[in-house]
Amino acid sequence: MVGLMLIFVIVLLVIWAILAVVGFAIKGLVWLAIIGIILFLATLIIGIIRQAARKK
């Protein structure tokens, strides 16, 4: 179960990173880059919090 959640978080991080790169590559889609960065950071923070909660 933990492995499945970790894989899910990693996949989300990759998707958000791709969205950020595409947003910066296409000037008209800067909003896409901003959303990608926000979602990347949110997923990363949530993953860290959940991982820390499971260790307790």
C-alpha atoms as a PDB file:
ATOM      1  CA  MET A   1       0.000   0.000   0.000  1.00  0.00           C
ATOM      2  CA  VAL A   2       2.816   2.404   0.876  1.00  0.00           C
ATOM      3  CA  GLY A   3       4.624   1.532  -2.353  1.00  0.00           C
ATOM      4  CA  LEU A   4       1.513   2.235  -4.395  1.00  0.00           C
ATOM      5  CA  MET A   5       1.079   5.649  -2.759  1.00  0.00           C
ATOM      6  CA  LEU A   6       4.731   6.492  -3.350  1.00  0.00           C
ATOM      7  CA  ILE A   7       4.439   5.571  -7.036  1.00  0.00           C
ATOM      8  CA  PHE A   8       1.282   7.707  -7.303  1.00  0.00           C
ATOM      9  CA  VAL A   9       3.023  10.726  -5.778  1.00  0.00           C
ATOM     10  CA  ILE A  10       6.033  10.300  -8.069  1.00  0.00           C
ATOM     11  CA  VAL A  11       3.784  10.086 -11.143  1.00  0.00           C
ATOM     12  CA  LEU A  12       1.975  13.273 -10.070  1.00  0.00           C
ATOM     13  CA  LEU A  13       5.284  15.067  -9.556  1.00  0.00           C
ATOM     14  CA  VAL A  14       6.417  14.080 -13.042  1.00  0.00           C
ATOM     15  CA  ILE A  15       3.132  15.275 -14.576  1.00  0.00           C
ATOM     16  CA  TRP A  16       3.319  18.620 -12.779  1.00  0.00           C
ATOM     17  CA  ALA A  17       6.951  19.088 -13.826  1.00  0.00           C
ATOM     18  CA  ILE A  18       6.038  18.408 -17.475  1.00  0.00           C
ATOM     19  CA  LEU A  19       3.190  20.938 -17.275  1.00  0.00           C
ATOM     20  CA  ALA A  20       5.582  23.537 -15.883  1.00  0.00           C
ATOM     21  CA  VAL A  21       8.135  22.972 -18.655  1.00  0.00           C
ATOM     22  CA  VAL A  22       5.473  23.090 -21.384  1.00  0.00           C
ATOM     23  CA  GLY A  23       4.071  26.286 -19.879  1.00  0.00           C
ATOM     24  CA  PHE A  24       7.454  28.000 -19.957  1.00  0.00           C
ATOM     25  CA  ALA A  25       8.234  26.693 -23.461  1.00  0.00           C
ATOM     26  CA  ILE A  26       5.051  28.168 -24.905  1.00  0.00           C
ATOM     27  CA  LYS A  27       4.903  31.834 -23.949  1.00  0.00           C
ATOM     28  CA  GLY A  28       1.135  32.043 -24.314  1.00  0.00           C
ATOM     29  CA  LEU A  29       0.691  29.344 -21.695  1.00  0.00           C
ATOM     30  CA  VAL A  30       2.549  30.908 -18.796  1.00  0.00           C
ATOM     31  CA  TRP A  31      -0.516  30.227 -16.654  1.00  0.00           C
ATOM     32  CA  LEU A  32       0.034  26.520 -17.322  1.00  0.00           C
ATOM     33  CA  ALA A  33       3.560  26.798 -15.950  1.00  0.00           C
ATOM     34  CA  ILE A  34       2.320  28.554 -12.832  1.00  0.00           C
ATOM     35  CA  ILE A  35      -0.334  25.889 -12.241  1.00  0.00           C
ATOM     36  CA  GLY A  36       2.257  23.162 -12.848  1.00  0.00           C
ATOM     37  CA  ILE A  37       4.640  24.643 -10.285  1.00  0.00           C
ATOM     38  CA  ILE A  38       1.892  25.116  -7.685  1.00  0.00           C
ATOM     39  CA  LEU A  39       0.606  21.564  -8.135  1.00  0.00           C
ATOM     40  CA  PHE A  40       4.152  20.162  -8.059  1.00  0.00           C
ATOM     41  CA  LEU A  41       4.881  21.873  -4.758  1.00  0.00           C
ATOM     42  CA  ALA A  42       1.491  20.915  -3.281  1.00  0.00           C
ATOM     43  CA  THR A  43       1.967  17.259  -4.220  1.00  0.00           C
ATOM     44  CA  LEU A  44       5.485  17.257  -2.827  1.00  0.00           C
ATOM     45  CA  ILE A  45       4.393  18.812   0.479  1.00  0.00           C
ATOM     46  CA  ILE A  46       1.420  16.465   0.870  1.00  0.00           C
ATOM     47  CA  GLY A  47       3.632  13.471   0.122  1.00  0.00           C
ATOM     48  CA  ILE A  48       6.191  14.538   2.718  1.00  0.00           C
ATOM     49  CA  ILE A  49       3.502  15.143   5.349  1.00  0.00           C
ATOM     50  CA  ARG A  50       1.840  11.771   4.753  1.00  0.00           C
ATOM     51  CA  GLN A  51       5.174   9.966   4.789  1.00  0.00           C
ATOM     52  CA  ALA A  52       6.103  11.614   8.083  1.00  0.00           C
ATOM     53  CA  ALA A  53       2.699  10.742   9.582  1.00  0.00           C
ATOM     54  CA  ARG A  54       3.140   7.066   8.691  1.00  0.00           C
ATOM     55  CA  LYS A  55       6.512   6.883  10.412  1.00  0.00           C
ATOM     56  CA  LYS A  56       5.015   7.907  13.766  1.00  0.00           C
END
